[in-house]
Amino acid sequence: MKNVLLFCLISLGFVAVNAQISRLENFDVNVLLKNDRILNNYMKCLLDKGPCTNDGRDLKKHLPEALETICGQCTPKQKKDTKQLINHLETKKPQIFSEVRAKYDPNGERLRAFKSLQI
């Protein structure tokens, strides 16, 4: 259940708006996985604990839509990358993972829907 929320959160960053999809389609998730500073900055942005980059602002802006549509605009690559990032967060950054989950899906309602999402 925990993995599903972060999947949505990160996927949203990749599909903020149609104009950004192609730019973000080429995003290398490994950059985040290998660089704690960058990853932590994105998470601080999401949690209103730090400043946001343009991409971070897009992520925050479009996150509610992604949660509502169960990542309906995500490409297969974005879904795969998101799952990889979620696994990393859950195992390597459990505190951040918990905070993001608590803020964006406190009742777990959207997570249940994401469990059936095929990747």
PDB file of N, CA and C in Angstrom:
ATOM      1  N   MET A   1       0.828  -1.185   0.000  1.00  0.00           N
ATOM      2  CA  MET A   1       0.000   0.000   0.000  1.00  0.00           C
ATOM      3  C   MET A   1       0.874   1.251   0.000  1.00  0.00           C
ATOM      4  N   LYS A   2       1.952   1.232   0.765  1.00  0.00           N
ATOM      5  CA  LYS A   2       2.831   2.389   0.841  1.00  0.00           C
ATOM      6  C   LYS A   2       3.445   2.685  -0.516  1.00  0.00           C
ATOM      7  N   ASN A   3       3.830   1.639  -1.217  1.00  0.00           N
ATOM      8  CA  ASN A   3       4.469   1.815  -2.519  1.00  0.00           C
ATOM      9  C   ASN A   3       3.562   2.516  -3.510  1.00  0.00           C
ATOM     10  N   VAL A   4       2.301   2.284  -3.416  1.00  0.00           N
ATOM     11  CA  VAL A   4       1.363   2.826  -4.382  1.00  0.00           C
ATOM     12  C   VAL A   4       1.309   4.350  -4.331  1.00  0.00           C
ATOM     13  N   LEU A   5       1.284   4.926  -3.157  1.00  0.00           N
ATOM     14  CA  LEU A   5       1.207   6.383  -3.040  1.00  0.00           C
ATOM     15  C   LEU A   5       2.428   7.048  -3.645  1.00  0.00           C
ATOM     16  N   LEU A   6       3.581   6.584  -3.290  1.00  0.00           N
ATOM     17  CA  LEU A   6       4.774   7.216  -3.831  1.00  0.00           C
ATOM     18  C   LEU A   6       4.866   7.005  -5.326  1.00  0.00           C
ATOM     19  N   PHE A   7       4.400   5.876  -5.797  1.00  0.00           N
ATOM     20  CA  PHE A   7       4.332   5.652  -7.237  1.00  0.00           C
ATOM     21  C   PHE A   7       3.562   6.787  -7.890  1.00  0.00           C
ATOM     22  N   CYS A   8       2.443   7.089  -7.335  1.00  0.00           N
ATOM     23  CA  CYS A   8       1.620   8.169  -7.863  1.00  0.00           C
ATOM     24  C   CYS A   8       2.328   9.505  -7.751  1.00  0.00           C
ATOM     25  N   LEU A   9       2.905   9.759  -6.621  1.00  0.00           N
ATOM     26  CA  LEU A   9       3.571  11.042  -6.393  1.00  0.00           C
ATOM     27  C   LEU A   9       4.658  11.300  -7.418  1.00  0.00           C
ATOM     28  N   ILE A  10       5.487  10.347  -7.609  1.00  0.00           N
ATOM     29  CA  ILE A  10       6.601  10.538  -8.517  1.00  0.00           C
ATOM     30  C   ILE A  10       6.125  10.518  -9.964  1.00  0.00           C
ATOM     31  N   SER A  11       5.191   9.675 -10.279  1.00  0.00           N
ATOM     32  CA  SER A  11       4.657   9.643 -11.644  1.00  0.00           C
ATOM     33  C   SER A  11       4.101  10.991 -12.032  1.00  0.00           C
ATOM     34  N   LEU A  12       3.469  11.637 -11.107  1.00  0.00           N
ATOM     35  CA  LEU A  12       2.893  12.929 -11.399  1.00  0.00           C
ATOM     36  C   LEU A  12       3.957  13.919 -11.839  1.00  0.00           C
ATOM     37  N   GLY A  13       5.087  13.867 -11.211  1.00  0.00           N
ATOM     38  CA  GLY A  13       6.178  14.761 -11.597  1.00  0.00           C
ATOM     39  C   GLY A  13       6.591  14.545 -13.033  1.00  0.00           C
ATOM     40  N   PHE A  14       6.430  13.347 -13.531  1.00  0.00           N
ATOM     41  CA  PHE A  14       6.809  13.033 -14.898  1.00  0.00           C
ATOM     42  C   PHE A  14       5.741  13.458 -15.910  1.00  0.00           C
ATOM     43  N   VAL A  15       4.518  13.638 -15.489  1.00  0.00           N
ATOM     44  CA  VAL A  15       3.442  13.900 -16.438  1.00  0.00           C
ATOM     45  C   VAL A  15       2.661  15.154 -16.093  1.00  0.00           C
ATOM     46  N   ALA A  16       3.319  16.149 -15.615  1.00  0.00           N
ATOM     47  CA  ALA A  16       2.659  17.353 -15.130  1.00  0.00           C
ATOM     48  C   ALA A  16       1.676  17.933 -16.129  1.00  0.00           C
ATOM     49  N   VAL A  17       2.107  18.220 -17.318  1.00  0.00           N
ATOM     50  CA  VAL A  17       1.227  18.696 -18.374  1.00  0.00           C
ATOM     51  C   VAL A  17       1.748  18.166 -19.694  1.00  0.00           C
ATOM     52  N   ASN A  18       0.898  18.152 -20.728  1.00  0.00           N
ATOM     53  CA  ASN A  18       1.287  17.596 -22.014  1.00  0.00           C
ATOM     54  C   ASN A  18       2.561  18.213 -22.567  1.00  0.00           C
ATOM     55  N   ALA A  19       2.765  19.481 -22.384  1.00  0.00           N
ATOM     56  CA  ALA A  19       3.955  20.141 -22.903  1.00  0.00           C
ATOM     57  C   ALA A  19       5.222  19.648 -22.233  1.00  0.00           C
ATOM     58  N   GLN A  20       5.082  19.127 -21.029  1.00  0.00           N
ATOM     59  CA  GLN A  20       6.254  18.669 -20.295  1.00  0.00           C
ATOM     60  C   GLN A  20       6.481  17.169 -20.427  1.00  0.00           C
ATOM     61  N   ILE A  21       5.530  16.444 -20.950  1.00  0.00           N
ATOM     62  CA  ILE A  21       5.645  14.992 -20.990  1.00  0.00           C
ATOM     63  C   ILE A  21       6.880  14.546 -21.751  1.00  0.00           C
ATOM     64  N   SER A  22       7.116  15.101 -22.927  1.00  0.00           N
ATOM     65  CA  SER A  22       8.259  14.645 -23.704  1.00  0.00           C
ATOM     66  C   SER A  22       9.571  14.989 -22.994  1.00  0.00           C
ATOM     67  N   ARG A  23       9.641  16.151 -22.380  1.00  0.00           N
ATOM     68  CA  ARG A  23      10.848  16.540 -21.655  1.00  0.00           C
ATOM     69  C   ARG A  23      11.069  15.595 -20.479  1.00  0.00           C
ATOM     70  N   LEU A  24      10.030  15.292 -19.768  1.00  0.00           N
ATOM     71  CA  LEU A  24      10.150  14.458 -18.585  1.00  0.00           C
ATOM     72  C   LEU A  24      10.223  12.976 -18.913  1.00  0.00           C
ATOM     73  N   GLU A  25       9.817  12.607 -20.096  1.00  0.00           N
ATOM     74  CA  GLU A  25       9.923  11.208 -20.516  1.00  0.00           C
ATOM     75  C   GLU A  25      11.388  10.777 -20.531  1.00  0.00           C
ATOM     76  N   ASN A  26      12.269  11.711 -20.783  1.00  0.00           N
ATOM     77  CA  ASN A  26      13.699  11.409 -20.841  1.00  0.00           C
ATOM     78  C   ASN A  26      14.392  11.558 -19.492  1.00  0.00           C
ATOM     79  N   PHE A  27      13.622  11.816 -18.450  1.00  0.00           N
ATOM     80  CA  PHE A  27      14.173  11.968 -17.111  1.00  0.00           C
ATOM     81  C   PHE A  27      14.831  10.663 -16.680  1.00  0.00           C
ATOM     82  N   ASP A  28      16.018  10.757 -16.107  1.00  0.00           N
ATOM     83  CA  ASP A  28      16.751   9.582 -15.638  1.00  0.00           C
ATOM     84  C   ASP A  28      16.532   9.418 -14.137  1.00  0.00           C
ATOM     85  N   VAL A  29      15.706   8.474 -13.762  1.00  0.00           N
ATOM     86  CA  VAL A  29      15.376   8.253 -12.351  1.00  0.00           C
ATOM     87  C   VAL A  29      16.619   7.906 -11.545  1.00  0.00           C
ATOM     88  N   ASN A  30      17.616   7.343 -12.192  1.00  0.00           N
ATOM     89  CA  ASN A  30      18.842   6.983 -11.478  1.00  0.00           C
ATOM     90  C   ASN A  30      19.564   8.199 -10.916  1.00  0.00           C
ATOM     91  N   VAL A  31      19.351   9.360 -11.516  1.00  0.00           N
ATOM     92  CA  VAL A  31      19.931  10.589 -10.978  1.00  0.00           C
ATOM     93  C   VAL A  31      19.425  10.809  -9.549  1.00  0.00           C
ATOM     94  N   LEU A  32      18.137  10.593  -9.344  1.00  0.00           N
ATOM     95  CA  LEU A  32      17.572  10.747  -7.997  1.00  0.00           C
ATOM     96  C   LEU A  32      18.042   9.636  -7.062  1.00  0.00           C
ATOM     97  N   LEU A  33      18.092   8.426  -7.581  1.00  0.00           N
ATOM     98  CA  LEU A  33      18.464   7.288  -6.743  1.00  0.00           C
ATOM     99  C   LEU A  33      19.908   7.365  -6.267  1.00  0.00           C
ATOM    100  N   LYS A  34      20.734   7.988  -7.046  1.00  0.00           N
ATOM    101  CA  LYS A  34      22.160   8.065  -6.706  1.00  0.00           C
ATOM    102  C   LYS A  34      22.553   9.366  -6.015  1.00  0.00           C
ATOM    103  N   ASN A  35      21.626  10.314  -5.906  1.00  0.00           N
ATOM    104  CA  ASN A  35      21.985  11.609  -5.347  1.00  0.00           C
ATOM    105  C   ASN A  35      20.980  12.000  -4.256  1.00  0.00           C
ATOM    106  N   ASP A  36      21.345  11.735  -3.015  1.00  0.00           N
ATOM    107  CA  ASP A  36      20.450  12.039  -1.886  1.00  0.00           C
ATOM    108  C   ASP A  36      20.093  13.516  -1.806  1.00  0.00           C
ATOM    109  N   ARG A  37      21.031  14.382  -2.157  1.00  0.00           N
ATOM    110  CA  ARG A  37      20.768  15.827  -2.074  1.00  0.00           C
ATOM    111  C   ARG A  37      19.610  16.207  -2.994  1.00  0.00           C
ATOM    112  N   ILE A  38      19.637  15.740  -4.216  1.00  0.00           N
ATOM    113  CA  ILE A  38      18.562  16.067  -5.164  1.00  0.00           C
ATOM    114  C   ILE A  38      17.246  15.439  -4.704  1.00  0.00           C
ATOM    115  N   LEU A  39      17.283  14.184  -4.339  1.00  0.00           N
ATOM    116  CA  LEU A  39      16.073  13.499  -3.878  1.00  0.00           C
ATOM    117  C   LEU A  39      15.486  14.197  -2.660  1.00  0.00           C
ATOM    118  N   ASN A  40      16.318  14.519  -1.697  1.00  0.00           N
ATOM    119  CA  ASN A  40      15.826  15.186  -0.490  1.00  0.00           C
ATOM    120  C   ASN A  40      15.226  16.551  -0.806  1.00  0.00           C
ATOM    121  N   ASN A  41      15.810  17.264  -1.751  1.00  0.00           N
ATOM    122  CA  ASN A  41      15.253  18.565  -2.130  1.00  0.00           C
ATOM    123  C   ASN A  41      13.859  18.423  -2.747  1.00  0.00           C
ATOM    124  N   TYR A  42      13.647  17.426  -3.584  1.00  0.00           N
ATOM    125  CA  TYR A  42      12.317  17.191  -4.145  1.00  0.00           C
ATOM    126  C   TYR A  42      11.322  16.864  -3.034  1.00  0.00           C
ATOM    127  N   MET A  43      11.728  16.021  -2.104  1.00  0.00           N
ATOM    128  CA  MET A  43      10.829  15.625  -1.028  1.00  0.00           C
ATOM    129  C   MET A  43      10.529  16.801  -0.098  1.00  0.00           C
ATOM    130  N   LYS A  44      11.525  17.638   0.181  1.00  0.00           N
ATOM    131  CA  LYS A  44      11.274  18.827   0.999  1.00  0.00           C
ATOM    132  C   LYS A  44      10.271  19.746   0.322  1.00  0.00           C
ATOM    133  N   CYS A  45      10.375  19.869  -0.981  1.00  0.00           N
ATOM    134  CA  CYS A  45       9.416  20.677  -1.736  1.00  0.00           C
ATOM    135  C   CYS A  45       8.009  20.116  -1.551  1.00  0.00           C
ATOM    136  N   LEU A  46       7.850  18.815  -1.767  1.00  0.00           N
ATOM    137  CA  LEU A  46       6.531  18.188  -1.631  1.00  0.00           C
ATOM    138  C   LEU A  46       5.942  18.362  -0.240  1.00  0.00           C
ATOM    139  N   LEU A  47       6.806  18.384   0.749  1.00  0.00           N
ATOM    140  CA  LEU A  47       6.354  18.455   2.137  1.00  0.00           C
ATOM    141  C   LEU A  47       6.315  19.880   2.683  1.00  0.00           C
ATOM    142  N   ASP A  48       6.503  20.859   1.814  1.00  0.00           N
ATOM    143  CA  ASP A  48       6.508  22.270   2.212  1.00  0.00           C
ATOM    144  C   ASP A  48       7.562  22.558   3.278  1.00  0.00           C
ATOM    145  N   LYS A  49       8.694  21.894   3.167  1.00  0.00           N
ATOM    146  CA  LYS A  49       9.783  22.077   4.119  1.00  0.00           C
ATOM    147  C   LYS A  49      10.994  22.753   3.478  1.00  0.00           C
ATOM    148  N   GLY A  50      10.861  23.093   2.219  1.00  0.00           N
ATOM    149  CA  GLY A  50      11.981  23.721   1.530  1.00  0.00           C
ATOM    150  C   GLY A  50      11.520  24.316   0.216  1.00  0.00           C
ATOM    151  N   PRO A  51      12.421  25.039  -0.443  1.00  0.00           N
ATOM    152  CA  PRO A  51      12.069  25.659  -1.719  1.00  0.00           C
ATOM    153  C   PRO A  51      11.884  24.600  -2.805  1.00  0.00           C
ATOM    154  N   CYS A  52      11.200  25.005  -3.859  1.00  0.00           N
ATOM    155  CA  CYS A  52      10.929  24.104  -4.974  1.00  0.00           C
ATOM    156  C   CYS A  52      11.609  24.589  -6.248  1.00  0.00           C
ATOM    157  N   THR A  53      12.090  23.660  -7.015  1.00  0.00           N
ATOM    158  CA  THR A  53      12.541  23.961  -8.368  1.00  0.00           C
ATOM    159  C   THR A  53      11.293  24.045  -9.240  1.00  0.00           C
ATOM    160  N   ASN A  54      11.466  24.394 -10.498  1.00  0.00           N
ATOM    161  CA  ASN A  54      10.318  24.411 -11.406  1.00  0.00           C
ATOM    162  C   ASN A  54       9.679  23.030 -11.496  1.00  0.00           C
ATOM    163  N   ASP A  55      10.489  21.998 -11.603  1.00  0.00           N
ATOM    164  CA  ASP A  55       9.943  20.642 -11.666  1.00  0.00           C
ATOM    165  C   ASP A  55       9.239  20.274 -10.364  1.00  0.00           C
ATOM    166  N   GLY A  56       9.798  20.694  -9.245  1.00  0.00           N
ATOM    167  CA  GLY A  56       9.163  20.430  -7.956  1.00  0.00           C
ATOM    168  C   GLY A  56       7.814  21.108  -7.834  1.00  0.00           C
ATOM    169  N   ARG A  57       7.741  22.346  -8.312  1.00  0.00           N
ATOM    170  CA  ARG A  57       6.454  23.065  -8.299  1.00  0.00           C
ATOM    171  C   ARG A  57       5.431  22.366  -9.190  1.00  0.00           C
ATOM    172  N   ASP A  58       5.877  21.895 -10.357  1.00  0.00           N
ATOM    173  CA  ASP A  58       4.974  21.161 -11.250  1.00  0.00           C
ATOM    174  C   ASP A  58       4.455  19.902 -10.572  1.00  0.00           C
ATOM    175  N   LEU A  59       5.355  19.205  -9.899  1.00  0.00           N
ATOM    176  CA  LEU A  59       4.964  17.995  -9.185  1.00  0.00           C
ATOM    177  C   LEU A  59       3.891  18.296  -8.150  1.00  0.00           C
ATOM    178  N   LYS A  60       4.116  19.304  -7.330  1.00  0.00           N
ATOM    179  CA  LYS A  60       3.127  19.674  -6.310  1.00  0.00           C
ATOM    180  C   LYS A  60       1.808  20.122  -6.921  1.00  0.00           C
ATOM    181  N   LYS A  61       1.889  20.849  -8.016  1.00  0.00           N
ATOM    182  CA  LYS A  61       0.689  21.380  -8.652  1.00  0.00           C
ATOM    183  C   LYS A  61      -0.182  20.268  -9.222  1.00  0.00           C
ATOM    184  N   HIS A  62       0.435  19.269  -9.821  1.00  0.00           N
ATOM    185  CA  HIS A  62      -0.316  18.246 -10.532  1.00  0.00           C
ATOM    186  C   HIS A  62      -0.518  16.958  -9.742  1.00  0.00           C
ATOM    187  N   LEU A  63       0.032  16.899  -8.565  1.00  0.00           N
ATOM    188  CA  LEU A  63      -0.115  15.700  -7.751  1.00  0.00           C
ATOM    189  C   LEU A  63      -1.576  15.334  -7.477  1.00  0.00           C
ATOM    190  N   PRO A  64      -2.425  16.273  -7.094  1.00  0.00           N
ATOM    191  CA  PRO A  64      -3.829  15.903  -6.847  1.00  0.00           C
ATOM    192  C   PRO A  64      -4.502  15.263  -8.061  1.00  0.00           C
ATOM    193  N   GLU A  65      -4.218  15.777  -9.241  1.00  0.00           N
ATOM    194  CA  GLU A  65      -4.805  15.201 -10.465  1.00  0.00           C
ATOM    195  C   GLU A  65      -4.326  13.769 -10.678  1.00  0.00           C
ATOM    196  N   ALA A  66      -3.037  13.538 -10.473  1.00  0.00           N
ATOM    197  CA  ALA A  66      -2.505  12.190 -10.655  1.00  0.00           C
ATOM    198  C   ALA A  66      -3.141  11.222  -9.668  1.00  0.00           C
ATOM    199  N   LEU A  67      -3.340  11.680  -8.447  1.00  0.00           N
ATOM    200  CA  LEU A  67      -3.992  10.825  -7.462  1.00  0.00           C
ATOM    201  C   LEU A  67      -5.434  10.531  -7.862  1.00  0.00           C
ATOM    202  N   GLU A  68      -6.117  11.531  -8.347  1.00  0.00           N
ATOM    203  CA  GLU A  68      -7.522  11.355  -8.743  1.00  0.00           C
ATOM    204  C   GLU A  68      -7.679  10.427  -9.937  1.00  0.00           C
ATOM    205  N   THR A  69      -6.760  10.510 -10.900  1.00  0.00           N
ATOM    206  CA  THR A  69      -6.886   9.722 -12.132  1.00  0.00           C
ATOM    207  C   THR A  69      -6.095   8.429 -12.084  1.00  0.00           C
ATOM    208  N   ILE A  70      -5.511   8.133 -10.948  1.00  0.00           N
ATOM    209  CA  ILE A  70      -4.691   6.937 -10.778  1.00  0.00           C
ATOM    210  C   ILE A  70      -3.621   6.886 -11.862  1.00  0.00           C
ATOM    211  N   CYS A  71      -2.942   7.999 -12.003  1.00  0.00           N
ATOM    212  CA  CYS A  71      -1.813   8.124 -12.923  1.00  0.00           C
ATOM    213  C   CYS A  71      -2.236   7.814 -14.357  1.00  0.00           C
ATOM    214  N   GLY A  72      -3.389   8.322 -14.721  1.00  0.00           N
ATOM    215  CA  GLY A  72      -3.951   8.048 -16.041  1.00  0.00           C
ATOM    216  C   GLY A  72      -3.130   8.576 -17.198  1.00  0.00           C
ATOM    217  N   GLN A  73      -2.277   9.566 -16.981  1.00  0.00           N
ATOM    218  CA  GLN A  73      -1.481  10.120 -18.070  1.00  0.00           C
ATOM    219  C   GLN A  73      -0.053   9.594 -18.090  1.00  0.00           C
ATOM    220  N   CYS A  74       0.302   8.709 -17.188  1.00  0.00           N
ATOM    221  CA  CYS A  74       1.666   8.194 -17.123  1.00  0.00           C
ATOM    222  C   CYS A  74       1.943   7.234 -18.272  1.00  0.00           C
ATOM    223  N   THR A  75       3.136   7.330 -18.811  1.00  0.00           N
ATOM    224  CA  THR A  75       3.573   6.384 -19.837  1.00  0.00           C
ATOM    225  C   THR A  75       4.111   5.137 -19.140  1.00  0.00           C
ATOM    226  N   PRO A  76       4.265   4.034 -19.886  1.00  0.00           N
ATOM    227  CA  PRO A  76       4.843   2.834 -19.270  1.00  0.00           C
ATOM    228  C   PRO A  76       6.232   3.088 -18.662  1.00  0.00           C
ATOM    229  N   LYS A  77       7.063   3.861 -19.331  1.00  0.00           N
ATOM    230  CA  LYS A  77       8.393   4.170 -18.799  1.00  0.00           C
ATOM    231  C   LYS A  77       8.276   4.938 -17.489  1.00  0.00           C
ATOM    232  N   GLN A  78       7.371   5.890 -17.440  1.00  0.00           N
ATOM    233  CA  GLN A  78       7.191   6.679 -16.230  1.00  0.00           C
ATOM    234  C   GLN A  78       6.704   5.803 -15.084  1.00  0.00           C
ATOM    235  N   LYS A  79       5.830   4.874 -15.382  1.00  0.00           N
ATOM    236  CA  LYS A  79       5.345   3.960 -14.345  1.00  0.00           C
ATOM    237  C   LYS A  79       6.481   3.077 -13.827  1.00  0.00           C
ATOM    238  N   LYS A  80       7.294   2.578 -14.740  1.00  0.00           N
ATOM    239  CA  LYS A  80       8.433   1.732 -14.350  1.00  0.00           C
ATOM    240  C   LYS A  80       9.423   2.511 -13.491  1.00  0.00           C
ATOM    241  N   ASP A  81       9.768   3.717 -13.947  1.00  0.00           N
ATOM    242  CA  ASP A  81      10.693   4.556 -13.192  1.00  0.00           C
ATOM    243  C   ASP A  81      10.142   4.877 -11.810  1.00  0.00           C
ATOM    244  N   THR A  82       8.864   5.119 -11.757  1.00  0.00           N
ATOM    245  CA  THR A  82       8.228   5.463 -10.498  1.00  0.00           C
ATOM    246  C   THR A  82       8.287   4.299  -9.523  1.00  0.00           C
ATOM    247  N   LYS A  83       8.021   3.120 -10.018  1.00  0.00           N
ATOM    248  CA  LYS A  83       8.087   1.944  -9.142  1.00  0.00           C
ATOM    249  C   LYS A  83       9.500   1.779  -8.591  1.00  0.00           C
ATOM    250  N   GLN A  84      10.499   2.003  -9.418  1.00  0.00           N
ATOM    251  CA  GLN A  84      11.883   1.907  -8.976  1.00  0.00           C
ATOM    252  C   GLN A  84      12.173   2.947  -7.885  1.00  0.00           C
ATOM    253  N   LEU A  85      11.689   4.148  -8.078  1.00  0.00           N
ATOM    254  CA  LEU A  85      11.905   5.201  -7.101  1.00  0.00           C
ATOM    255  C   LEU A  85      11.165   4.916  -5.798  1.00  0.00           C
ATOM    256  N   ILE A  86       9.969   4.418  -5.898  1.00  0.00           N
ATOM    257  CA  ILE A  86       9.192   4.086  -4.697  1.00  0.00           C
ATOM    258  C   ILE A  86       9.899   3.025  -3.870  1.00  0.00           C
ATOM    259  N   ASN A  87      10.378   2.002  -4.528  1.00  0.00           N
ATOM    260  CA  ASN A  87      11.094   0.950  -3.805  1.00  0.00           C
ATOM    261  C   ASN A  87      12.309   1.531  -3.077  1.00  0.00           C
ATOM    262  N   HIS A  88      12.980   2.435  -3.729  1.00  0.00           N
ATOM    263  CA  HIS A  88      14.140   3.084  -3.116  1.00  0.00           C
ATOM    264  C   HIS A  88      13.722   3.894  -1.880  1.00  0.00           C
ATOM    265  N   LEU A  89      12.673   4.680  -2.038  1.00  0.00           N
ATOM    266  CA  LEU A  89      12.221   5.506  -0.910  1.00  0.00           C
ATOM    267  C   LEU A  89      11.764   4.655   0.265  1.00  0.00           C
ATOM    268  N   GLU A  90      11.034   3.631  -0.024  1.00  0.00           N
ATOM    269  CA  GLU A  90      10.507   2.804   1.062  1.00  0.00           C
ATOM    270  C   GLU A  90      11.630   2.097   1.820  1.00  0.00           C
ATOM    271  N   THR A  91      12.639   1.655   1.113  1.00  0.00           N
ATOM    272  CA  THR A  91      13.707   0.919   1.777  1.00  0.00           C
ATOM    273  C   THR A  91      14.818   1.817   2.319  1.00  0.00           C
ATOM    274  N   LYS A  92      15.110   2.911   1.618  1.00  0.00           N
ATOM    275  CA  LYS A  92      16.245   3.749   2.007  1.00  0.00           C
ATOM    276  C   LYS A  92      15.847   5.032   2.736  1.00  0.00           C
ATOM    277  N   LYS A  93      14.617   5.489   2.555  1.00  0.00           N
ATOM    278  CA  LYS A  93      14.154   6.748   3.149  1.00  0.00           C
ATOM    279  C   LYS A  93      12.769   6.566   3.775  1.00  0.00           C
ATOM    280  N   PRO A  94      12.617   5.643   4.706  1.00  0.00           N
ATOM    281  CA  PRO A  94      11.283   5.354   5.248  1.00  0.00           C
ATOM    282  C   PRO A  94      10.610   6.538   5.936  1.00  0.00           C
ATOM    283  N   GLN A  95      11.377   7.402   6.581  1.00  0.00           N
ATOM    284  CA  GLN A  95      10.781   8.557   7.251  1.00  0.00           C
ATOM    285  C   GLN A  95      10.157   9.509   6.228  1.00  0.00           C
ATOM    286  N   ILE A  96      10.885   9.796   5.176  1.00  0.00           N
ATOM    287  CA  ILE A  96      10.360  10.668   4.126  1.00  0.00           C
ATOM    288  C   ILE A  96       9.156  10.012   3.480  1.00  0.00           C
ATOM    289  N   PHE A  97       9.271   8.723   3.220  1.00  0.00           N
ATOM    290  CA  PHE A  97       8.172   7.977   2.617  1.00  0.00           C
ATOM    291  C   PHE A  97       6.905   8.120   3.457  1.00  0.00           C
ATOM    292  N   SER A  98       7.021   7.969   4.753  1.00  0.00           N
ATOM    293  CA  SER A  98       5.870   8.074   5.657  1.00  0.00           C
ATOM    294  C   SER A  98       5.278   9.480   5.660  1.00  0.00           C
ATOM    295  N   GLU A  99       6.130  10.483   5.650  1.00  0.00           N
ATOM    296  CA  GLU A  99       5.643  11.862   5.664  1.00  0.00           C
ATOM    297  C   GLU A  99       4.879  12.206   4.384  1.00  0.00           C
ATOM    298  N   VAL A 100       5.414  11.781   3.262  1.00  0.00           N
ATOM    299  CA  VAL A 100       4.740  12.053   1.982  1.00  0.00           C
ATOM    300  C   VAL A 100       3.402  11.331   1.939  1.00  0.00           C
ATOM    301  N   ARG A 101       3.391  10.082   2.365  1.00  0.00           N
ATOM    302  CA  ARG A 101       2.146   9.307   2.376  1.00  0.00           C
ATOM    303  C   ARG A 101       1.115   9.964   3.291  1.00  0.00           C
ATOM    304  N   ALA A 102       1.536  10.397   4.469  1.00  0.00           N
ATOM    305  CA  ALA A 102       0.615  11.021   5.419  1.00  0.00           C
ATOM    306  C   ALA A 102       0.033  12.318   4.871  1.00  0.00           C
ATOM    307  N   LYS A 103       0.825  13.082   4.160  1.00  0.00           N
ATOM    308  CA  LYS A 103       0.341  14.358   3.638  1.00  0.00           C
ATOM    309  C   LYS A 103      -0.604  14.185   2.460  1.00  0.00           C
ATOM    310  N   TYR A 104      -0.275  13.287   1.547  1.00  0.00           N
ATOM    311  CA  TYR A 104      -1.023  13.209   0.292  1.00  0.00           C
ATOM    312  C   TYR A 104      -2.105  12.137   0.243  1.00  0.00           C
ATOM    313  N   ASP A 105      -2.122  11.219   1.183  1.00  0.00           N
ATOM    314  CA  ASP A 105      -3.182  10.215   1.216  1.00  0.00           C
ATOM    315  C   ASP A 105      -3.393   9.730   2.652  1.00  0.00           C
ATOM    316  N   PRO A 106      -3.824  10.623   3.535  1.00  0.00           N
ATOM    317  CA  PRO A 106      -3.934  10.266   4.956  1.00  0.00           C
ATOM    318  C   PRO A 106      -4.925   9.137   5.240  1.00  0.00           C
ATOM    319  N   ASN A 107      -5.943   8.980   4.418  1.00  0.00           N
ATOM    320  CA  ASN A 107      -6.934   7.929   4.648  1.00  0.00           C
ATOM    321  C   ASN A 107      -6.647   6.648   3.886  1.00  0.00           C
ATOM    322  N   GLY A 108      -5.684   6.691   2.998  1.00  0.00           N
ATOM    323  CA  GLY A 108      -5.349   5.507   2.219  1.00  0.00           C
ATOM    324  C   GLY A 108      -6.354   5.169   1.134  1.00  0.00           C
ATOM    325  N   GLU A 109      -7.319   6.043   0.875  1.00  0.00           N
ATOM    326  CA  GLU A 109      -8.357   5.757  -0.116  1.00  0.00           C
ATOM    327  C   GLU A 109      -7.789   5.608  -1.525  1.00  0.00           C
ATOM    328  N   ARG A 110      -6.883   6.486  -1.873  1.00  0.00           N
ATOM    329  CA  ARG A 110      -6.330   6.439  -3.233  1.00  0.00           C
ATOM    330  C   ARG A 110      -5.341   5.292  -3.380  1.00  0.00           C
ATOM    331  N   LEU A 111      -4.708   4.943  -2.320  1.00  0.00           N
ATOM    332  CA  LEU A 111      -3.749   3.845  -2.379  1.00  0.00           C
ATOM    333  C   LEU A 111      -4.411   2.534  -2.767  1.00  0.00           C
ATOM    334  N   ARG A 112      -5.593   2.304  -2.248  1.00  0.00           N
ATOM    335  CA  ARG A 112      -6.307   1.075  -2.594  1.00  0.00           C
ATOM    336  C   ARG A 112      -6.533   0.981  -4.095  1.00  0.00           C
ATOM    337  N   ALA A 113      -6.877   2.088  -4.721  1.00  0.00           N
ATOM    338  CA  ALA A 113      -7.091   2.094  -6.171  1.00  0.00           C
ATOM    339  C   ALA A 113      -5.789   1.856  -6.920  1.00  0.00           C
ATOM    340  N   PHE A 114      -4.710   2.386  -6.405  1.00  0.00           N
ATOM    341  CA  PHE A 114      -3.418   2.207  -7.066  1.00  0.00           C
ATOM    342  C   PHE A 114      -2.900   0.781  -6.995  1.00  0.00           C
ATOM    343  N   LYS A 115      -3.340   0.023  -6.019  1.00  0.00           N
ATOM    344  CA  LYS A 115      -2.869  -1.361  -5.895  1.00  0.00           C
ATOM    345  C   LYS A 115      -3.179  -2.173  -7.133  1.00  0.00           C
ATOM    346  N   SER A 116      -4.238  -1.840  -7.832  1.00  0.00           N
ATOM    347  CA  SER A 116      -4.623  -2.604  -9.023  1.00  0.00           C
ATOM    348  C   SER A 116      -3.982  -2.062 -10.305  1.00  0.00           C
ATOM    349  N   LEU A 117      -3.212  -0.998 -10.199  1.00  0.00           N
ATOM    350  CA  LEU A 117      -2.567  -0.393 -11.363  1.00  0.00           C
ATOM    351  C   LEU A 117      -1.503  -1.327 -11.917  1.00  0.00           C
ATOM    352  N   GLN A 118      -1.579  -1.598 -13.204  1.00  0.00           N
ATOM    353  CA  GLN A 118      -0.613  -2.465 -13.870  1.00  0.00           C
ATOM    354  C   GLN A 118       0.582  -1.671 -14.350  1.00  0.00           C
ATOM    355  N   ILE A 119       1.751  -2.223 -14.126  1.00  0.00           N
ATOM    356  CA  ILE A 119       2.999  -1.565 -14.567  1.00  0.00           C
ATOM    357  C   ILE A 119       3.681  -2.438 -15.578  1.00  0.00           C
TER     358      ILE A 119
END
